[in-house]
C-alpha cells in the first residue's frame, strides 16, 4: 500500500497586532534598561549578600544613638567653654564697674574741692573789700560780691495760665515758638534792665544775684541765668526805694512792655514794695583787673 508522505502542518500566523511603538525600539531600549548592566549586577549582588548583616531597624537605632551622642558631646563642650569663659567675662565686667565707681568718687572729690576753693576765694574777697572801708563796701555791693539787704520791690513774672500750644504769626513767634504765653529770656532781660534803669542798687532772679557780667539766655525752652536753669514763676528782688522804684519801673518802657505781655498774651505779673529784701552774694566773682595795695607812702602801684 502506498502511503502518502505526511505534509508538515502549516505554521499558524500570529494574530496579535504589532505594538504601536514598534518603530521606536531605540527609545524603548533606553527606557527599559535605564541602568547600566554593570551597575545593575552590582546592585543585585548587594541585595543578595549585603554589606551589613544587621537588620535595617537596628542600623537605624544605632545611627540615631550615634547622632544623640554627638549632639550631647557638642552641648557638653559648649557648656565647658562657657564655664571657662564665664569667670573671665565676669572679671572684666567687675573691672569696668570698679573703674566707673572710682571715677565717680574722684569726680565727687573734685567737686568738693572746687566748692571749698570757691568758698575760700569768696571769703578772701570779702575780707579784702572790708579792709577798704566804705569804698570797698560800695564796690562789693555794685559787683555783687557781698550779700545785701534793705528796702526794695518784689516783682513776680509767670507764664500764662494756659500757656502751651497756641500758634500764631505775632512777633513772639519769630523764633519758631508757638507758645506765646511763655516767658522768654528776652522778656527777663528787658525786665531786669528796666529795674536797673529805674534805680535798683542790686537785683536777683530766683535767688541768683545779678552782676554787670551776668547773662540771661535761653537753652531750648529753659531760661538760664549765669548758666543755671530757672523755673517759673520768676521772682525778682531789687534793692532801692521801694515805692519810688515801683513807680519808676511801671512808667518805664520796660514796665509798659511787661504790661503788654499781660494784656495780650496772659503773662502773669505782680509788683509790690517791700520794707526789707535780702539778696545773696553772687556765687562767683570774676576778677578782670587788679593792682597791688599801697603799703606805705613810698610804695607805688
C-alpha atoms as a PDB file:
ATOM      1  CA  UNK A   1       0.000   0.000   0.000  1.00  0.00           C
ATOM      2  CA  UNK A   2       1.239   3.296  -0.959  1.00  0.00           C
ATOM      3  CA  UNK A   3       1.437   5.663   1.841  1.00  0.00           C
ATOM      4  CA  UNK A   4       1.456   9.328   1.034  1.00  0.00           C
ATOM      5  CA  UNK A   5       4.093  11.307   2.813  1.00  0.00           C
ATOM      6  CA  UNK A   6       2.588  13.386   5.543  1.00  0.00           C
ATOM      7  CA  UNK A   7       2.662  17.083   4.809  1.00  0.00           C
ATOM      8  CA  UNK A   8       4.117  19.271   7.517  1.00  0.00           C
ATOM      9  CA  UNK A   9       1.456  21.178   9.306  1.00  0.00           C
ATOM     10  CA  UNK A  10       1.033  24.669   8.169  1.00  0.00           C
ATOM     11  CA  UNK A  11       2.509  27.297  10.561  1.00  0.00           C
ATOM     12  CA  UNK A  12      -0.173  29.350  12.068  1.00  0.00           C
ATOM     13  CA  UNK A  13       0.279  33.096  11.776  1.00  0.00           C
ATOM     14  CA  UNK A  14       0.366  35.315  14.868  1.00  0.00           C
ATOM     15  CA  UNK A  15      -2.897  37.072  15.205  1.00  0.00           C
ATOM     16  CA  UNK A  16      -1.624  39.712  17.730  1.00  0.00           C
ATOM     17  CA  UNK A  17      -1.398  43.272  16.363  1.00  0.00           C
ATOM     18  CA  UNK A  18       2.014  44.926  16.310  1.00  0.00           C
ATOM     19  CA  UNK A  19       2.980  47.362  19.131  1.00  0.00           C
ATOM     20  CA  UNK A  20       2.273  50.993  18.401  1.00  0.00           C
ATOM     21  CA  UNK A  21       5.824  51.932  19.430  1.00  0.00           C
ATOM     22  CA  UNK A  22       7.484  49.144  17.467  1.00  0.00           C
ATOM     23  CA  UNK A  23       9.220  51.712  15.312  1.00  0.00           C
ATOM     24  CA  UNK A  24      10.786  53.345  18.395  1.00  0.00           C
ATOM     25  CA  UNK A  25      12.903  50.422  19.526  1.00  0.00           C
ATOM     26  CA  UNK A  26      15.857  52.616  20.500  1.00  0.00           C
ATOM     27  CA  UNK A  27      13.792  54.729  22.872  1.00  0.00           C
ATOM     28  CA  UNK A  28      12.142  51.641  24.290  1.00  0.00           C
ATOM     29  CA  UNK A  29      15.529  50.091  24.989  1.00  0.00           C
ATOM     30  CA  UNK A  30      16.683  53.221  26.792  1.00  0.00           C
ATOM     31  CA  UNK A  31      13.527  53.332  28.905  1.00  0.00           C
ATOM     32  CA  UNK A  32      13.535  49.624  29.745  1.00  0.00           C
ATOM     33  CA  UNK A  33      17.251  49.458  30.503  1.00  0.00           C
ATOM     34  CA  UNK A  34      17.972  52.833  32.056  1.00  0.00           C
ATOM     35  CA  UNK A  35      20.526  51.350  34.464  1.00  0.00           C
ATOM     36  CA  UNK A  36      23.824  50.178  33.046  1.00  0.00           C
ATOM     37  CA  UNK A  37      24.306  46.404  33.182  1.00  0.00           C
ATOM     38  CA  UNK A  38      27.375  46.694  35.418  1.00  0.00           C
ATOM     39  CA  UNK A  39      25.520  48.863  37.923  1.00  0.00           C
ATOM     40  CA  UNK A  40      22.550  46.535  37.816  1.00  0.00           C
ATOM     41  CA  UNK A  41      24.739  43.498  38.584  1.00  0.00           C
ATOM     42  CA  UNK A  42      26.457  45.303  41.466  1.00  0.00           C
ATOM     43  CA  UNK A  43      23.090  46.331  42.905  1.00  0.00           C
ATOM     44  CA  UNK A  44      21.879  42.755  42.627  1.00  0.00           C
ATOM     45  CA  UNK A  45      24.944  41.445  44.467  1.00  0.00           C
ATOM     46  CA  UNK A  46      24.465  43.940  47.298  1.00  0.00           C
ATOM     47  CA  UNK A  47      20.873  42.869  47.555  1.00  0.00           C
ATOM     48  CA  UNK A  48      21.894  39.242  47.897  1.00  0.00           C
ATOM     49  CA  UNK A  49      24.975  39.465  50.161  1.00  0.00           C
ATOM     50  CA  UNK A  50      24.637  42.992  51.695  1.00  0.00           C
ATOM     51  CA  UNK A  51      27.385  44.993  53.312  1.00  0.00           C
ATOM     52  CA  UNK A  52      25.932  44.523  56.771  1.00  0.00           C
ATOM     53  CA  UNK A  53      24.214  41.562  58.270  1.00  0.00           C
ATOM     54  CA  UNK A  54      22.322  43.790  60.756  1.00  0.00           C
ATOM     55  CA  UNK A  55      18.627  44.328  60.300  1.00  0.00           C
ATOM     56  CA  UNK A  56      17.552  47.729  58.958  1.00  0.00           C
ATOM     57  CA  UNK A  57      15.722  48.703  62.165  1.00  0.00           C
ATOM     58  CA  UNK A  58      18.774  48.001  64.298  1.00  0.00           C
ATOM     59  CA  UNK A  59      21.001  50.005  61.986  1.00  0.00           C
ATOM     60  CA  UNK A  60      18.587  52.949  62.227  1.00  0.00           C
ATOM     61  CA  UNK A  61      18.652  52.794  66.006  1.00  0.00           C
ATOM     62  CA  UNK A  62      22.441  52.701  66.055  1.00  0.00           C
ATOM     63  CA  UNK A  63      22.579  55.752  63.745  1.00  0.00           C
ATOM     64  CA  UNK A  64      20.140  57.638  65.980  1.00  0.00           C
ATOM     65  CA  UNK A  65      22.186  56.756  69.064  1.00  0.00           C
ATOM     66  CA  UNK A  66      25.384  57.939  67.411  1.00  0.00           C
ATOM     67  CA  UNK A  67      23.686  61.226  66.465  1.00  0.00           C
ATOM     68  CA  UNK A  68      22.464  61.746  70.014  1.00  0.00           C
ATOM     69  CA  UNK A  69      25.920  61.046  71.378  1.00  0.00           C
ATOM     70  CA  UNK A  70      27.434  63.607  69.009  1.00  0.00           C
ATOM     71  CA  UNK A  71      24.807  66.200  69.965  1.00  0.00           C
ATOM     72  CA  UNK A  72      25.426  65.591  73.663  1.00  0.00           C
ATOM     73  CA  UNK A  73      29.157  65.912  73.052  1.00  0.00           C
ATOM     74  CA  UNK A  74      28.674  69.271  71.321  1.00  0.00           C
ATOM     75  CA  UNK A  75      26.464  70.564  74.138  1.00  0.00           C
ATOM     76  CA  UNK A  76      28.937  69.375  76.762  1.00  0.00           C
ATOM     77  CA  UNK A  77      31.855  71.038  75.006  1.00  0.00           C
ATOM     78  CA  UNK A  78      29.886  74.296  74.663  1.00  0.00           C
ATOM     79  CA  UNK A  79      28.930  74.267  78.336  1.00  0.00           C
ATOM     80  CA  UNK A  80      32.535  73.620  79.331  1.00  0.00           C
ATOM     81  CA  UNK A  81      33.725  76.520  77.195  1.00  0.00           C
ATOM     82  CA  UNK A  82      31.031  78.759  78.692  1.00  0.00           C
ATOM     83  CA  UNK A  83      32.139  77.826  82.204  1.00  0.00           C
ATOM     84  CA  UNK A  84      35.714  78.602  81.275  1.00  0.00           C
ATOM     85  CA  UNK A  85      34.863  81.958  79.651  1.00  0.00           C
ATOM     86  CA  UNK A  86      32.246  82.936  82.268  1.00  0.00           C
ATOM     87  CA  UNK A  87      34.622  83.884  85.085  1.00  0.00           C
ATOM     88  CA  UNK A  88      36.768  85.884  82.660  1.00  0.00           C
ATOM     89  CA  UNK A  89      33.773  87.906  81.424  1.00  0.00           C
ATOM     90  CA  UNK A  90      32.608  88.471  84.995  1.00  0.00           C
ATOM     91  CA  UNK A  91      36.055  89.731  85.963  1.00  0.00           C
ATOM     92  CA  UNK A  92      36.134  92.164  83.035  1.00  0.00           C
ATOM     93  CA  UNK A  93      32.658  93.420  83.911  1.00  0.00           C
ATOM     94  CA  UNK A  94      33.629  93.903  87.539  1.00  0.00           C
ATOM     95  CA  UNK A  95      36.741  95.816  86.466  1.00  0.00           C
ATOM     96  CA  UNK A  96      34.601  98.191  84.417  1.00  0.00           C
ATOM     97  CA  UNK A  97      32.208  98.682  87.339  1.00  0.00           C
ATOM     98  CA  UNK A  98      35.130  99.399  89.667  1.00  0.00           C
ATOM     99  CA  UNK A  99      36.564 101.934  87.206  1.00  0.00           C
ATOM    100  CA  UNK A 100      33.186 103.697  86.972  1.00  0.00           C
ATOM    101  CA  UNK A 101      32.806 103.769  90.746  1.00  0.00           C
ATOM    102  CA  UNK A 102      36.332 105.087  91.183  1.00  0.00           C
ATOM    103  CA  UNK A 103      35.752 107.734  88.521  1.00  0.00           C
ATOM    104  CA  UNK A 104      32.527 108.846  90.202  1.00  0.00           C
ATOM    105  CA  UNK A 105      34.275 109.057  93.560  1.00  0.00           C
ATOM    106  CA  UNK A 106      37.101 111.117  92.065  1.00  0.00           C
ATOM    107  CA  UNK A 107      34.604 113.451  90.402  1.00  0.00           C
ATOM    108  CA  UNK A 108      32.758 113.940  93.701  1.00  0.00           C
ATOM    109  CA  UNK A 109      36.033 114.707  95.459  1.00  0.00           C
ATOM    110  CA  UNK A 110      36.936 117.253  92.790  1.00  0.00           C
ATOM    111  CA  UNK A 111      33.526 118.910  93.122  1.00  0.00           C
ATOM    112  CA  UNK A 112      34.055 119.203  96.869  1.00  0.00           C
ATOM    113  CA  UNK A 113      37.494 120.716  96.291  1.00  0.00           C
ATOM    114  CA  UNK A 114      36.036 123.230  93.834  1.00  0.00           C
ATOM    115  CA  UNK A 115      33.309 124.261  96.296  1.00  0.00           C
ATOM    116  CA  UNK A 116      35.867 124.590  99.071  1.00  0.00           C
ATOM    117  CA  UNK A 117      38.168 126.717  96.915  1.00  0.00           C
ATOM    118  CA  UNK A 118      35.284 128.907  95.793  1.00  0.00           C
ATOM    119  CA  UNK A 119      34.297 129.500  99.404  1.00  0.00           C
ATOM    120  CA  UNK A 120      37.886 130.362 100.271  1.00  0.00           C
ATOM    121  CA  UNK A 121      38.168 132.799  97.353  1.00  0.00           C
ATOM    122  CA  UNK A 122      34.859 134.432  98.237  1.00  0.00           C
ATOM    123  CA  UNK A 123      35.895 134.832 101.853  1.00  0.00           C
ATOM    124  CA  UNK A 124      39.225 136.355 100.844  1.00  0.00           C
ATOM    125  CA  UNK A 125      37.490 138.773  98.501  1.00  0.00           C
ATOM    126  CA  UNK A 126      35.066 139.922 101.174  1.00  0.00           C
ATOM    127  CA  UNK A 127      37.912 140.383 103.648  1.00  0.00           C
ATOM    128  CA  UNK A 128      39.795 142.488 101.100  1.00  0.00           C
ATOM    129  CA  UNK A 129      36.705 144.613 100.454  1.00  0.00           C
ATOM    130  CA  UNK A 130      36.101 145.187 104.175  1.00  0.00           C
ATOM    131  CA  UNK A 131      39.655 146.391 104.588  1.00  0.00           C
ATOM    132  CA  UNK A 132      38.966 149.113 102.014  1.00  0.00           C
ATOM    133  CA  UNK A 133      36.237 150.641 104.185  1.00  0.00           C
ATOM    134  CA  UNK A 134      33.175 152.286 102.642  1.00  0.00           C
ATOM    135  CA  UNK A 135      34.726 152.378  99.207  1.00  0.00           C
ATOM    136  CA  UNK A 136      35.291 148.652  99.330  1.00  0.00           C
ATOM    137  CA  UNK A 137      31.767 148.012 100.583  1.00  0.00           C
ATOM    138  CA  UNK A 138      30.330 150.075  97.746  1.00  0.00           C
ATOM    139  CA  UNK A 139      32.466 148.235  95.229  1.00  0.00           C
ATOM    140  CA  UNK A 140      31.378 144.890  96.686  1.00  0.00           C
ATOM    141  CA  UNK A 141      27.733 145.958  96.544  1.00  0.00           C
ATOM    142  CA  UNK A 142      27.945 147.067  92.906  1.00  0.00           C
ATOM    143  CA  UNK A 143      29.911 143.983  91.897  1.00  0.00           C
ATOM    144  CA  UNK A 144      27.593 141.625  93.772  1.00  0.00           C
ATOM    145  CA  UNK A 145      30.462 140.256  95.866  1.00  0.00           C
ATOM    146  CA  UNK A 146      28.684 140.806  99.195  1.00  0.00           C
ATOM    147  CA  UNK A 147      25.132 139.991 100.325  1.00  0.00           C
ATOM    148  CA  UNK A 148      22.817 142.937 100.760  1.00  0.00           C
ATOM    149  CA  UNK A 149      19.508 143.710 102.411  1.00  0.00           C
ATOM    150  CA  UNK A 150      17.266 146.737 102.570  1.00  0.00           C
ATOM    151  CA  UNK A 151      14.023 148.197 101.233  1.00  0.00           C
ATOM    152  CA  UNK A 152      13.038 147.388  97.681  1.00  0.00           C
ATOM    153  CA  UNK A 153      10.458 145.729  95.462  1.00  0.00           C
ATOM    154  CA  UNK A 154       9.358 142.195  94.704  1.00  0.00           C
ATOM    155  CA  UNK A 155       8.387 141.544  91.084  1.00  0.00           C
ATOM    156  CA  UNK A 156       6.918 138.172  90.049  1.00  0.00           C
ATOM    157  CA  UNK A 157       6.636 137.171  86.386  1.00  0.00           C
ATOM    158  CA  UNK A 158       4.976 133.871  85.454  1.00  0.00           C
ATOM    159  CA  UNK A 159       3.803 132.052  82.348  1.00  0.00           C
ATOM    160  CA  UNK A 160       0.218 132.416  81.221  1.00  0.00           C
ATOM    161  CA  UNK A 161      -2.230 130.165  82.991  1.00  0.00           C
ATOM    162  CA  UNK A 162      -2.982 128.157  79.830  1.00  0.00           C
ATOM    163  CA  UNK A 163       0.445 128.503  78.243  1.00  0.00           C
ATOM    164  CA  UNK A 164       1.143 125.910  75.564  1.00  0.00           C
ATOM    165  CA  UNK A 165       0.048 125.002  72.062  1.00  0.00           C
ATOM    166  CA  UNK A 166      -1.389 128.321  70.781  1.00  0.00           C
ATOM    167  CA  UNK A 167       0.194 129.140  67.432  1.00  0.00           C
ATOM    168  CA  UNK A 168       0.209 132.428  65.593  1.00  0.00           C
ATOM    169  CA  UNK A 169       2.113 134.828  63.382  1.00  0.00           C
ATOM    170  CA  UNK A 170       2.813 137.501  66.005  1.00  0.00           C
ATOM    171  CA  UNK A 171       6.219 138.922  66.938  1.00  0.00           C
ATOM    172  CA  UNK A 172       6.625 136.373  69.732  1.00  0.00           C
ATOM    173  CA  UNK A 173       6.556 133.551  67.139  1.00  0.00           C
ATOM    174  CA  UNK A 174       9.602 134.790  65.259  1.00  0.00           C
ATOM    175  CA  UNK A 175      11.906 132.255  66.949  1.00  0.00           C
ATOM    176  CA  UNK A 176       9.801 129.257  65.997  1.00  0.00           C
ATOM    177  CA  UNK A 177       7.936 129.097  69.323  1.00  0.00           C
ATOM    178  CA  UNK A 178       4.186 128.620  69.164  1.00  0.00           C
ATOM    179  CA  UNK A 179       3.677 129.129  72.911  1.00  0.00           C
ATOM    180  CA  UNK A 180       3.203 132.883  73.087  1.00  0.00           C
ATOM    181  CA  UNK A 181       2.163 132.803  76.750  1.00  0.00           C
ATOM    182  CA  UNK A 182       5.518 131.526  77.981  1.00  0.00           C
ATOM    183  CA  UNK A 183       8.034 133.938  79.448  1.00  0.00           C
ATOM    184  CA  UNK A 184      11.155 134.151  77.279  1.00  0.00           C
ATOM    185  CA  UNK A 185      14.740 135.043  78.064  1.00  0.00           C
ATOM    186  CA  UNK A 186      14.420 138.389  76.270  1.00  0.00           C
ATOM    187  CA  UNK A 187      11.410 139.215  78.490  1.00  0.00           C
ATOM    188  CA  UNK A 188      13.505 138.749  81.619  1.00  0.00           C
ATOM    189  CA  UNK A 189      16.328 140.737  80.052  1.00  0.00           C
ATOM    190  CA  UNK A 190      14.036 143.718  79.488  1.00  0.00           C
ATOM    191  CA  UNK A 191      12.543 143.478  82.977  1.00  0.00           C
ATOM    192  CA  UNK A 192      15.964 143.338  84.663  1.00  0.00           C
ATOM    193  CA  UNK A 193      17.294 146.245  82.604  1.00  0.00           C
ATOM    194  CA  UNK A 194      14.152 148.206  83.454  1.00  0.00           C
ATOM    195  CA  UNK A 195      14.767 147.679  87.182  1.00  0.00           C
ATOM    196  CA  UNK A 196      18.380 148.836  86.840  1.00  0.00           C
ATOM    197  CA  UNK A 197      17.315 151.937  84.922  1.00  0.00           C
ATOM    198  CA  UNK A 198      14.593 152.660  87.487  1.00  0.00           C
ATOM    199  CA  UNK A 199      17.211 152.985  90.261  1.00  0.00           C
ATOM    200  CA  UNK A 200      17.728 149.464  91.625  1.00  0.00           C
ATOM    201  CA  UNK A 201      21.017 149.036  93.503  1.00  0.00           C
ATOM    202  CA  UNK A 202      21.033 145.227  93.409  1.00  0.00           C
ATOM    203  CA  UNK A 203      18.874 142.642  91.620  1.00  0.00           C
ATOM    204  CA  UNK A 204      18.388 138.889  91.955  1.00  0.00           C
ATOM    205  CA  UNK A 205      16.275 136.356  89.987  1.00  0.00           C
ATOM    206  CA  UNK A 206      15.076 133.268  91.830  1.00  0.00           C
ATOM    207  CA  UNK A 207      17.885 133.703  94.339  1.00  0.00           C
ATOM    208  CA  UNK A 208      20.595 134.268  91.678  1.00  0.00           C
ATOM    209  CA  UNK A 209      22.391 137.550  92.265  1.00  0.00           C
ATOM    210  CA  UNK A 210      22.964 139.502  89.062  1.00  0.00           C
ATOM    211  CA  UNK A 211      26.122 141.414  88.308  1.00  0.00           C
ATOM    212  CA  UNK A 212      27.405 143.509  85.420  1.00  0.00           C
ATOM    213  CA  UNK A 213      28.731 140.286  83.858  1.00  0.00           C
ATOM    214  CA  UNK A 214      25.579 138.170  84.315  1.00  0.00           C
ATOM    215  CA  UNK A 215      23.991 136.625  81.232  1.00  0.00           C
ATOM    216  CA  UNK A 216      20.325 135.750  80.729  1.00  0.00           C
ATOM    217  CA  UNK A 217      19.771 133.479  77.767  1.00  0.00           C
ATOM    218  CA  UNK A 218      17.741 130.512  76.578  1.00  0.00           C
ATOM    219  CA  UNK A 219      18.634 126.859  76.164  1.00  0.00           C
ATOM    220  CA  UNK A 220      15.719 125.294  74.321  1.00  0.00           C
ATOM    221  CA  UNK A 221      12.620 126.237  76.300  1.00  0.00           C
ATOM    222  CA  UNK A 222      14.567 126.846  79.545  1.00  0.00           C
ATOM    223  CA  UNK A 223      15.932 130.172  80.768  1.00  0.00           C
ATOM    224  CA  UNK A 224      19.491 130.248  82.097  1.00  0.00           C
ATOM    225  CA  UNK A 225      20.954 132.873  84.402  1.00  0.00           C
ATOM    226  CA  UNK A 226      24.734 132.532  84.577  1.00  0.00           C
ATOM    227  CA  UNK A 227      24.374 129.006  83.131  1.00  0.00           C
ATOM    228  CA  UNK A 228      21.957 127.964  85.882  1.00  0.00           C
ATOM    229  CA  UNK A 229      18.454 126.937  84.777  1.00  0.00           C
ATOM    230  CA  UNK A 230      15.455 128.659  86.302  1.00  0.00           C
ATOM    231  CA  UNK A 231      11.838 127.519  86.544  1.00  0.00           C
ATOM    232  CA  UNK A 232       8.762 129.759  86.646  1.00  0.00           C
ATOM    233  CA  UNK A 233       7.495 131.706  88.413  1.00  0.00           C
ATOM    234  CA  UNK A 234      10.427 134.108  88.171  1.00  0.00           C
ATOM    235  CA  UNK A 235      10.793 136.174  91.352  1.00  0.00           C
ATOM    236  CA  UNK A 236      12.903 139.313  91.008  1.00  0.00           C
ATOM    237  CA  UNK A 237      14.083 141.185  94.100  1.00  0.00           C
ATOM    238  CA  UNK A 238      15.534 144.667  93.752  1.00  0.00           C
ATOM    239  CA  UNK A 239      17.074 146.839  96.488  1.00  0.00           C
ATOM    240  CA  UNK A 240      16.156 150.519  96.452  1.00  0.00           C
ATOM    241  CA  UNK A 241      13.482 152.985  97.487  1.00  0.00           C
ATOM    242  CA  UNK A 242      10.513 150.643  97.247  1.00  0.00           C
ATOM    243  CA  UNK A 243       7.601 152.981  96.338  1.00  0.00           C
ATOM    244  CA  UNK A 244       9.743 155.136  94.051  1.00  0.00           C
ATOM    245  CA  UNK A 245      11.339 152.096  92.392  1.00  0.00           C
ATOM    246  CA  UNK A 246       7.946 150.533  91.721  1.00  0.00           C
ATOM    247  CA  UNK A 247       6.518 153.734  90.261  1.00  0.00           C
ATOM    248  CA  UNK A 248       9.555 154.374  88.075  1.00  0.00           C
ATOM    249  CA  UNK A 249       9.523 150.839  86.706  1.00  0.00           C
ATOM    250  CA  UNK A 250       5.798 150.771  85.915  1.00  0.00           C
ATOM    251  CA  UNK A 251       6.033 154.033  83.976  1.00  0.00           C
ATOM    252  CA  UNK A 252       9.176 152.991  82.066  1.00  0.00           C
ATOM    253  CA  UNK A 253       9.177 151.455  78.587  1.00  0.00           C
ATOM    254  CA  UNK A 254      10.142 148.070  80.012  1.00  0.00           C
ATOM    255  CA  UNK A 255       7.322 148.237  82.559  1.00  0.00           C
ATOM    256  CA  UNK A 256       4.880 149.045  79.742  1.00  0.00           C
ATOM    257  CA  UNK A 257       6.295 146.113  77.760  1.00  0.00           C
ATOM    258  CA  UNK A 258       5.542 143.794  80.694  1.00  0.00           C
ATOM    259  CA  UNK A 259       2.004 145.187  80.860  1.00  0.00           C
ATOM    260  CA  UNK A 260       1.518 144.426  77.145  1.00  0.00           C
ATOM    261  CA  UNK A 261       2.607 140.818  77.747  1.00  0.00           C
ATOM    262  CA  UNK A 262      -0.018 140.577  80.475  1.00  0.00           C
ATOM    263  CA  UNK A 263      -2.850 142.084  78.431  1.00  0.00           C
ATOM    264  CA  UNK A 264      -2.169 140.409  75.072  1.00  0.00           C
ATOM    265  CA  UNK A 265      -0.627 137.056  75.994  1.00  0.00           C
ATOM    266  CA  UNK A 266      -1.831 136.384  79.533  1.00  0.00           C
ATOM    267  CA  UNK A 267       1.626 136.549  81.147  1.00  0.00           C
ATOM    268  CA  UNK A 268       1.005 136.954  84.867  1.00  0.00           C
ATOM    269  CA  UNK A 269       2.817 139.740  86.735  1.00  0.00           C
ATOM    270  CA  UNK A 270       2.717 141.395  90.136  1.00  0.00           C
ATOM    271  CA  UNK A 271       4.905 144.042  91.761  1.00  0.00           C
ATOM    272  CA  UNK A 272       4.899 145.303  95.341  1.00  0.00           C
ATOM    273  CA  UNK A 273       7.125 147.462  97.504  1.00  0.00           C
ATOM    274  CA  UNK A 274       8.886 145.658 100.346  1.00  0.00           C
ATOM    275  CA  UNK A 275      10.264 147.020 103.587  1.00  0.00           C
ATOM    276  CA  UNK A 276      13.148 144.548 103.548  1.00  0.00           C
ATOM    277  CA  UNK A 277      14.530 142.281 100.870  1.00  0.00           C
ATOM    278  CA  UNK A 278      17.611 140.085 101.180  1.00  0.00           C
ATOM    279  CA  UNK A 279      19.872 139.305  98.273  1.00  0.00           C
ATOM    280  CA  UNK A 280      22.738 136.783  98.458  1.00  0.00           C
ATOM    281  CA  UNK A 281      26.195 137.400  97.101  1.00  0.00           C
ATOM    282  CA  UNK A 282      26.989 136.290  93.596  1.00  0.00           C
ATOM    283  CA  UNK A 283      28.183 132.660  93.540  1.00  0.00           C
ATOM    284  CA  UNK A 284      31.459 133.623  91.886  1.00  0.00           C
ATOM    285  CA  UNK A 285      33.155 136.914  91.178  1.00  0.00           C
ATOM    286  CA  UNK A 286      35.427 137.109  88.154  1.00  0.00           C
ATOM    287  CA  UNK A 287      38.342 139.496  88.628  1.00  0.00           C
ATOM    288  CA  UNK A 288      39.303 141.146  85.341  1.00  0.00           C
ATOM    289  CA  UNK A 289      41.858 143.670  86.583  1.00  0.00           C
ATOM    290  CA  UNK A 290      43.793 144.095  89.835  1.00  0.00           C
ATOM    291  CA  UNK A 291      46.578 146.187  91.277  1.00  0.00           C
ATOM    292  CA  UNK A 292      48.714 145.774  94.399  1.00  0.00           C
ATOM    293  CA  UNK A 293      47.562 147.619  97.535  1.00  0.00           C
ATOM    294  CA  UNK A 294      49.663 150.516  98.792  1.00  0.00           C
ATOM    295  CA  UNK A 295      51.747 149.530 101.796  1.00  0.00           C
ATOM    296  CA  UNK A 296      53.214 152.939 102.537  1.00  0.00           C
ATOM    297  CA  UNK A 297      53.687 156.408 101.269  1.00  0.00           C
ATOM    298  CA  UNK A 298      56.689 155.426  99.205  1.00  0.00           C
ATOM    299  CA  UNK A 299      55.166 152.404  97.554  1.00  0.00           C
ATOM    300  CA  UNK A 300      53.806 152.594  94.024  1.00  0.00           C
ATOM    301  CA  UNK A 301      51.010 150.593  92.386  1.00  0.00           C
END
